[in-house]
Amino acid sequence: MTKLSMTLVALAAGALLCGPAMAAQKQGRKAGLTAESKAKIKEIRKATKDQIRAVLTDAQKKVLDDAKGKDKTAHKAARQEVRKTLTADQKAKIKEIRQAARKQIREIRGVKADKGKSKKAGKAATA
């Protein structure tokens, strides 16, 4: 069985076990979202990016701007370089911004906010 075949079988099994909508969500698709919902999510992501850029110093912004128009590897390297230079205060602010955005997107998608965390907490408690 090829890797693609195994992937397709796994996806089909996921659809059977948890329904097509959940299987599509697990694949990262925007199952069942209206055009309006997708537009709201896009706005939230843009606002999040702008808020995070506001937290960065001019030097950190320059590193990211210099990577624009380059390949994915250059973007990844630039993000890693900026992460290394973040202060504790910047990290805290960025974390807060991302959590707020995540909460808004989950509300639009109709996903419970603590869904993923409760599973992890349960595994940690049993370990």
N, C-alpha and C. Protein backbone atom coordinates (compact mmCIF):
# COMPACT_ATOMS: atom_id res chain seq x y z
N MET A 1 0.85 -1.17 0.00
CA MET A 1 0.00 0.00 0.00
C MET A 1 0.90 1.24 0.00
N THR A 2 0.61 2.18 -0.87
CA THR A 2 1.43 3.38 -0.95
C THR A 2 1.08 4.34 0.17
N LYS A 3 1.94 5.31 0.36
CA LYS A 3 1.73 6.29 1.42
C LYS A 3 0.43 7.06 1.19
N LEU A 4 0.15 7.42 -0.08
CA LEU A 4 -1.08 8.12 -0.41
C LEU A 4 -2.29 7.27 -0.10
N SER A 5 -2.23 5.99 -0.44
CA SER A 5 -3.35 5.08 -0.17
C SER A 5 -3.60 4.98 1.32
N MET A 6 -2.53 4.87 2.10
CA MET A 6 -2.68 4.77 3.55
C MET A 6 -3.30 6.04 4.12
N THR A 7 -2.91 7.19 3.57
CA THR A 7 -3.46 8.46 4.02
C THR A 7 -4.95 8.52 3.72
N LEU A 8 -5.33 8.11 2.51
CA LEU A 8 -6.74 8.14 2.13
C LEU A 8 -7.57 7.20 3.00
N VAL A 9 -7.03 6.03 3.31
CA VAL A 9 -7.72 5.08 4.18
C VAL A 9 -7.90 5.68 5.57
N ALA A 10 -6.86 6.33 6.08
CA ALA A 10 -6.93 6.94 7.40
C ALA A 10 -7.96 8.06 7.43
N LEU A 11 -8.00 8.86 6.36
CA LEU A 11 -8.97 9.95 6.29
C LEU A 11 -10.39 9.40 6.22
N ALA A 12 -10.59 8.35 5.44
CA ALA A 12 -11.91 7.73 5.33
C ALA A 12 -12.33 7.17 6.68
N ALA A 13 -11.41 6.53 7.38
CA ALA A 13 -11.71 5.99 8.70
C ALA A 13 -12.08 7.11 9.66
N GLY A 14 -11.38 8.22 9.58
CA GLY A 14 -11.70 9.37 10.42
C GLY A 14 -13.09 9.90 10.13
N ALA A 15 -13.46 9.93 8.85
CA ALA A 15 -14.79 10.40 8.47
C ALA A 15 -15.86 9.47 9.01
N LEU A 16 -15.59 8.16 9.01
CA LEU A 16 -16.56 7.20 9.52
C LEU A 16 -16.70 7.29 11.03
N LEU A 17 -15.59 7.48 11.72
CA LEU A 17 -15.62 7.50 13.18
C LEU A 17 -16.19 8.79 13.75
N CYS A 18 -15.89 9.92 13.14
CA CYS A 18 -16.31 11.17 13.75
C CYS A 18 -17.14 12.05 12.84
N GLY A 19 -17.58 11.56 11.72
CA GLY A 19 -18.44 12.33 10.83
C GLY A 19 -17.64 13.18 9.88
N PRO A 20 -18.21 13.48 8.72
CA PRO A 20 -17.47 14.22 7.69
C PRO A 20 -17.08 15.63 8.10
N ALA A 21 -17.93 16.32 8.86
CA ALA A 21 -17.60 17.69 9.24
C ALA A 21 -16.38 17.72 10.15
N MET A 22 -16.33 16.82 11.13
CA MET A 22 -15.19 16.79 12.06
C MET A 22 -13.93 16.32 11.33
N ALA A 23 -14.09 15.34 10.44
CA ALA A 23 -12.92 14.87 9.68
C ALA A 23 -12.36 16.00 8.84
N ALA A 24 -13.23 16.80 8.25
CA ALA A 24 -12.77 17.93 7.44
C ALA A 24 -12.06 18.95 8.31
N GLN A 25 -12.57 19.20 9.52
CA GLN A 25 -11.91 20.13 10.42
C GLN A 25 -10.55 19.62 10.83
N LYS A 26 -10.45 18.31 11.06
CA LYS A 26 -9.16 17.74 11.43
C LYS A 26 -8.15 17.90 10.31
N GLN A 27 -8.63 17.98 9.08
CA GLN A 27 -7.74 18.17 7.93
C GLN A 27 -7.40 19.64 7.75
N GLY A 28 -7.94 20.49 8.61
CA GLY A 28 -7.62 21.90 8.52
C GLY A 28 -8.51 22.65 7.55
N ARG A 29 -9.60 22.06 7.11
CA ARG A 29 -10.50 22.72 6.19
C ARG A 29 -11.52 23.54 6.95
N LYS A 30 -12.09 24.50 6.27
CA LYS A 30 -13.09 25.37 6.88
C LYS A 30 -14.47 24.82 6.56
N ALA A 31 -14.76 23.64 7.09
CA ALA A 31 -16.01 22.94 6.80
C ALA A 31 -17.20 23.73 7.31
N GLY A 32 -18.13 23.98 6.43
CA GLY A 32 -19.38 24.60 6.82
C GLY A 32 -19.33 26.09 7.11
N LEU A 33 -18.25 26.76 6.82
CA LEU A 33 -18.16 28.19 7.09
C LEU A 33 -18.77 28.98 5.94
N THR A 34 -19.51 30.00 6.28
CA THR A 34 -20.08 30.87 5.26
C THR A 34 -19.00 31.82 4.76
N ALA A 35 -19.28 32.46 3.67
CA ALA A 35 -18.33 33.45 3.13
C ALA A 35 -18.13 34.58 4.14
N GLU A 36 -19.20 34.93 4.85
CA GLU A 36 -19.11 35.98 5.87
C GLU A 36 -18.18 35.55 7.01
N SER A 37 -18.30 34.29 7.45
CA SER A 37 -17.45 33.77 8.52
C SER A 37 -15.99 33.74 8.09
N LYS A 38 -15.76 33.29 6.87
CA LYS A 38 -14.39 33.26 6.34
C LYS A 38 -13.80 34.67 6.29
N ALA A 39 -14.63 35.64 5.89
CA ALA A 39 -14.15 37.03 5.82
C ALA A 39 -13.82 37.56 7.21
N LYS A 40 -14.65 37.21 8.22
CA LYS A 40 -14.38 37.65 9.59
C LYS A 40 -13.07 37.06 10.09
N ILE A 41 -12.86 35.78 9.80
CA ILE A 41 -11.62 35.12 10.23
C ILE A 41 -10.41 35.77 9.57
N LYS A 42 -10.56 36.10 8.31
CA LYS A 42 -9.47 36.76 7.58
C LYS A 42 -9.16 38.12 8.22
N GLU A 43 -10.21 38.86 8.60
CA GLU A 43 -10.02 40.16 9.27
C GLU A 43 -9.31 39.99 10.61
N ILE A 44 -9.72 38.96 11.36
CA ILE A 44 -9.10 38.71 12.67
C ILE A 44 -7.62 38.40 12.49
N ARG A 45 -7.29 37.58 11.51
CA ARG A 45 -5.88 37.23 11.27
C ARG A 45 -5.07 38.45 10.87
N LYS A 46 -5.65 39.32 10.03
CA LYS A 46 -4.95 40.55 9.62
C LYS A 46 -4.74 41.45 10.82
N ALA A 47 -5.78 41.62 11.64
CA ALA A 47 -5.67 42.46 12.83
C ALA A 47 -4.63 41.89 13.80
N THR A 48 -4.60 40.57 13.93
CA THR A 48 -3.63 39.92 14.81
C THR A 48 -2.21 40.20 14.34
N LYS A 49 -2.01 40.06 13.05
CA LYS A 49 -0.68 40.32 12.48
C LYS A 49 -0.27 41.77 12.74
N ASP A 50 -1.20 42.70 12.54
CA ASP A 50 -0.90 44.12 12.77
C ASP A 50 -0.59 44.39 14.24
N GLN A 51 -1.36 43.76 15.15
CA GLN A 51 -1.12 43.95 16.58
C GLN A 51 0.24 43.40 16.99
N ILE A 52 0.61 42.25 16.43
CA ILE A 52 1.91 41.66 16.76
C ILE A 52 3.03 42.53 16.23
N ARG A 53 2.87 43.05 15.01
CA ARG A 53 3.91 43.94 14.45
C ARG A 53 4.08 45.19 15.31
N ALA A 54 3.00 45.65 15.93
CA ALA A 54 3.07 46.84 16.78
C ALA A 54 3.92 46.57 18.03
N VAL A 55 4.00 45.32 18.44
CA VAL A 55 4.78 44.93 19.62
C VAL A 55 6.28 44.87 19.29
N LEU A 56 6.61 44.62 18.03
CA LEU A 56 8.01 44.43 17.62
C LEU A 56 8.76 45.75 17.53
N THR A 57 10.07 45.67 17.70
CA THR A 57 10.93 46.85 17.52
C THR A 57 11.13 47.07 16.02
N ASP A 58 11.66 48.23 15.67
CA ASP A 58 11.92 48.53 14.26
C ASP A 58 12.92 47.54 13.67
N ALA A 59 13.92 47.15 14.44
CA ALA A 59 14.93 46.20 13.96
C ALA A 59 14.30 44.84 13.68
N GLN A 60 13.40 44.40 14.57
CA GLN A 60 12.73 43.12 14.37
C GLN A 60 11.81 43.16 13.14
N LYS A 61 11.11 44.29 12.96
CA LYS A 61 10.25 44.45 11.78
C LYS A 61 11.09 44.42 10.51
N LYS A 62 12.27 45.04 10.55
CA LYS A 62 13.14 45.07 9.37
C LYS A 62 13.57 43.66 8.96
N VAL A 63 13.88 42.82 9.93
CA VAL A 63 14.28 41.43 9.64
C VAL A 63 13.14 40.72 8.90
N LEU A 64 11.91 40.91 9.38
CA LEU A 64 10.76 40.27 8.73
C LEU A 64 10.50 40.87 7.35
N ASP A 65 10.61 42.20 7.25
CA ASP A 65 10.37 42.87 5.97
C ASP A 65 11.40 42.46 4.91
N ASP A 66 12.63 42.25 5.34
CA ASP A 66 13.68 41.84 4.41
C ASP A 66 13.41 40.46 3.81
N ALA A 67 12.63 39.64 4.51
CA ALA A 67 12.33 38.29 4.04
C ALA A 67 11.15 38.28 3.06
N LYS A 68 10.43 39.41 2.94
CA LYS A 68 9.29 39.47 2.02
C LYS A 68 9.76 39.24 0.59
N GLY A 69 8.96 38.50 -0.14
CA GLY A 69 9.29 38.24 -1.54
C GLY A 69 10.29 37.12 -1.73
N LYS A 70 10.74 36.53 -0.64
CA LYS A 70 11.69 35.42 -0.72
C LYS A 70 10.95 34.11 -0.49
N ASP A 71 11.66 33.01 -0.54
CA ASP A 71 11.04 31.69 -0.38
C ASP A 71 10.65 31.42 1.08
N LYS A 72 9.93 30.32 1.29
CA LYS A 72 9.44 29.96 2.62
C LYS A 72 10.57 29.76 3.62
N THR A 73 11.68 29.24 3.16
CA THR A 73 12.82 28.99 4.03
C THR A 73 13.34 30.30 4.61
N ALA A 74 13.39 31.33 3.78
CA ALA A 74 13.86 32.65 4.24
C ALA A 74 12.88 33.24 5.25
N HIS A 75 11.58 33.07 5.00
CA HIS A 75 10.58 33.57 5.95
C HIS A 75 10.71 32.85 7.30
N LYS A 76 10.87 31.54 7.24
CA LYS A 76 10.99 30.76 8.47
C LYS A 76 12.23 31.19 9.25
N ALA A 77 13.34 31.37 8.55
CA ALA A 77 14.58 31.78 9.20
C ALA A 77 14.42 33.17 9.84
N ALA A 78 13.73 34.06 9.15
CA ALA A 78 13.52 35.41 9.69
C ALA A 78 12.65 35.36 10.95
N ARG A 79 11.59 34.56 10.92
CA ARG A 79 10.72 34.42 12.10
C ARG A 79 11.51 33.84 13.28
N GLN A 80 12.33 32.84 13.01
CA GLN A 80 13.15 32.24 14.07
C GLN A 80 14.13 33.25 14.64
N GLU A 81 14.72 34.05 13.78
CA GLU A 81 15.68 35.07 14.24
C GLU A 81 14.97 36.09 15.13
N VAL A 82 13.77 36.51 14.73
CA VAL A 82 13.03 37.48 15.53
C VAL A 82 12.61 36.86 16.86
N ARG A 83 12.16 35.59 16.85
CA ARG A 83 11.77 34.92 18.09
C ARG A 83 12.90 34.92 19.12
N LYS A 84 14.13 34.75 18.63
CA LYS A 84 15.29 34.71 19.53
C LYS A 84 15.53 36.06 20.22
N THR A 85 15.08 37.14 19.58
CA THR A 85 15.34 38.48 20.11
C THR A 85 14.18 39.06 20.90
N LEU A 86 13.08 38.32 21.02
CA LEU A 86 11.92 38.83 21.75
C LEU A 86 12.21 38.91 23.25
N THR A 87 11.77 39.99 23.85
CA THR A 87 11.89 40.14 25.30
C THR A 87 10.75 39.35 25.96
N ALA A 88 10.83 39.16 27.25
CA ALA A 88 9.78 38.45 27.98
C ALA A 88 8.46 39.21 27.86
N ASP A 89 8.53 40.54 27.90
CA ASP A 89 7.33 41.37 27.77
C ASP A 89 6.70 41.21 26.39
N GLN A 90 7.53 41.20 25.35
CA GLN A 90 7.02 41.01 23.99
C GLN A 90 6.36 39.65 23.85
N LYS A 91 7.01 38.62 24.39
CA LYS A 91 6.46 37.26 24.31
C LYS A 91 5.10 37.20 24.99
N ALA A 92 4.97 37.83 26.14
CA ALA A 92 3.72 37.83 26.88
C ALA A 92 2.61 38.54 26.10
N LYS A 93 2.95 39.70 25.52
CA LYS A 93 1.96 40.46 24.75
C LYS A 93 1.52 39.68 23.51
N ILE A 94 2.47 39.06 22.82
CA ILE A 94 2.15 38.29 21.61
C ILE A 94 1.28 37.09 21.97
N LYS A 95 1.60 36.44 23.07
CA LYS A 95 0.80 35.30 23.52
C LYS A 95 -0.64 35.73 23.79
N GLU A 96 -0.79 36.85 24.44
CA GLU A 96 -2.12 37.39 24.76
C GLU A 96 -2.90 37.72 23.48
N ILE A 97 -2.23 38.34 22.52
CA ILE A 97 -2.85 38.70 21.24
C ILE A 97 -3.32 37.44 20.52
N ARG A 98 -2.46 36.44 20.47
CA ARG A 98 -2.80 35.19 19.77
C ARG A 98 -3.95 34.44 20.45
N GLN A 99 -3.94 34.42 21.78
CA GLN A 99 -5.02 33.75 22.50
C GLN A 99 -6.36 34.42 22.24
N ALA A 100 -6.37 35.75 22.22
CA ALA A 100 -7.61 36.48 21.95
C ALA A 100 -8.11 36.19 20.54
N ALA A 101 -7.19 36.15 19.58
CA ALA A 101 -7.57 35.86 18.20
C ALA A 101 -8.11 34.45 18.07
N ARG A 102 -7.42 33.50 18.73
CA ARG A 102 -7.84 32.10 18.69
C ARG A 102 -9.25 31.95 19.25
N LYS A 103 -9.53 32.66 20.34
CA LYS A 103 -10.85 32.61 20.96
C LYS A 103 -11.92 33.14 20.00
N GLN A 104 -11.64 34.26 19.34
CA GLN A 104 -12.59 34.83 18.40
C GLN A 104 -12.86 33.88 17.23
N ILE A 105 -11.81 33.28 16.71
CA ILE A 105 -11.97 32.36 15.57
C ILE A 105 -12.75 31.13 15.99
N ARG A 106 -12.48 30.62 17.17
CA ARG A 106 -13.22 29.44 17.66
C ARG A 106 -14.70 29.76 17.81
N GLU A 107 -15.01 30.96 18.27
CA GLU A 107 -16.41 31.36 18.41
C GLU A 107 -17.09 31.40 17.05
N ILE A 108 -16.40 31.90 16.05
CA ILE A 108 -16.97 31.95 14.70
C ILE A 108 -17.19 30.54 14.17
N ARG A 109 -16.23 29.67 14.41
CA ARG A 109 -16.33 28.29 13.93
C ARG A 109 -17.28 27.44 14.77
N GLY A 110 -17.63 27.93 15.95
CA GLY A 110 -18.51 27.18 16.82
C GLY A 110 -17.81 26.06 17.55
N VAL A 111 -16.51 26.26 17.81
CA VAL A 111 -15.70 25.26 18.52
C VAL A 111 -15.57 25.69 19.97
N LYS A 112 -15.66 24.74 20.88
CA LYS A 112 -15.49 25.06 22.30
C LYS A 112 -14.07 25.52 22.54
N ALA A 113 -13.92 26.58 23.33
CA ALA A 113 -12.62 27.20 23.56
C ALA A 113 -11.63 26.30 24.26
N ASP A 114 -12.09 25.44 25.16
CA ASP A 114 -11.16 24.62 25.93
C ASP A 114 -11.08 23.18 25.45
N LYS A 115 -11.61 22.92 24.28
CA LYS A 115 -11.69 21.55 23.78
C LYS A 115 -10.34 20.85 23.74
N GLY A 116 -9.35 21.44 23.10
CA GLY A 116 -8.03 20.81 22.98
C GLY A 116 -7.28 20.77 24.29
N LYS A 117 -7.46 21.78 25.12
CA LYS A 117 -6.73 21.87 26.37
C LYS A 117 -7.20 20.81 27.36
N SER A 118 -8.50 20.50 27.35
CA SER A 118 -9.00 19.52 28.32
C SER A 118 -8.44 18.14 28.04
N LYS A 119 -8.26 17.80 26.77
CA LYS A 119 -7.67 16.49 26.43
C LYS A 119 -6.23 16.42 26.92
N LYS A 120 -5.48 17.48 26.69
CA LYS A 120 -4.08 17.51 27.12
C LYS A 120 -4.00 17.47 28.64
N ALA A 121 -4.87 18.19 29.31
CA ALA A 121 -4.86 18.22 30.77
C ALA A 121 -5.19 16.84 31.31
N GLY A 122 -6.14 16.15 30.65
CA GLY A 122 -6.52 14.81 31.07
C GLY A 122 -5.38 13.82 30.91
N LYS A 123 -4.65 13.92 29.82
CA LYS A 123 -3.52 13.04 29.60
C LYS A 123 -2.42 13.30 30.62
N ALA A 124 -2.20 14.57 30.95
CA ALA A 124 -1.16 14.92 31.92
C ALA A 124 -1.53 14.41 33.31
N ALA A 125 -2.83 14.45 33.62
CA ALA A 125 -3.27 14.01 34.95
C ALA A 125 -3.14 12.49 35.11
N THR A 126 -3.34 11.76 34.01
CA THR A 126 -3.25 10.30 34.08
C THR A 126 -1.83 9.80 33.98
N ALA A 127 -0.92 10.64 33.50
CA ALA A 127 0.47 10.20 33.31
C ALA A 127 1.24 10.16 34.60
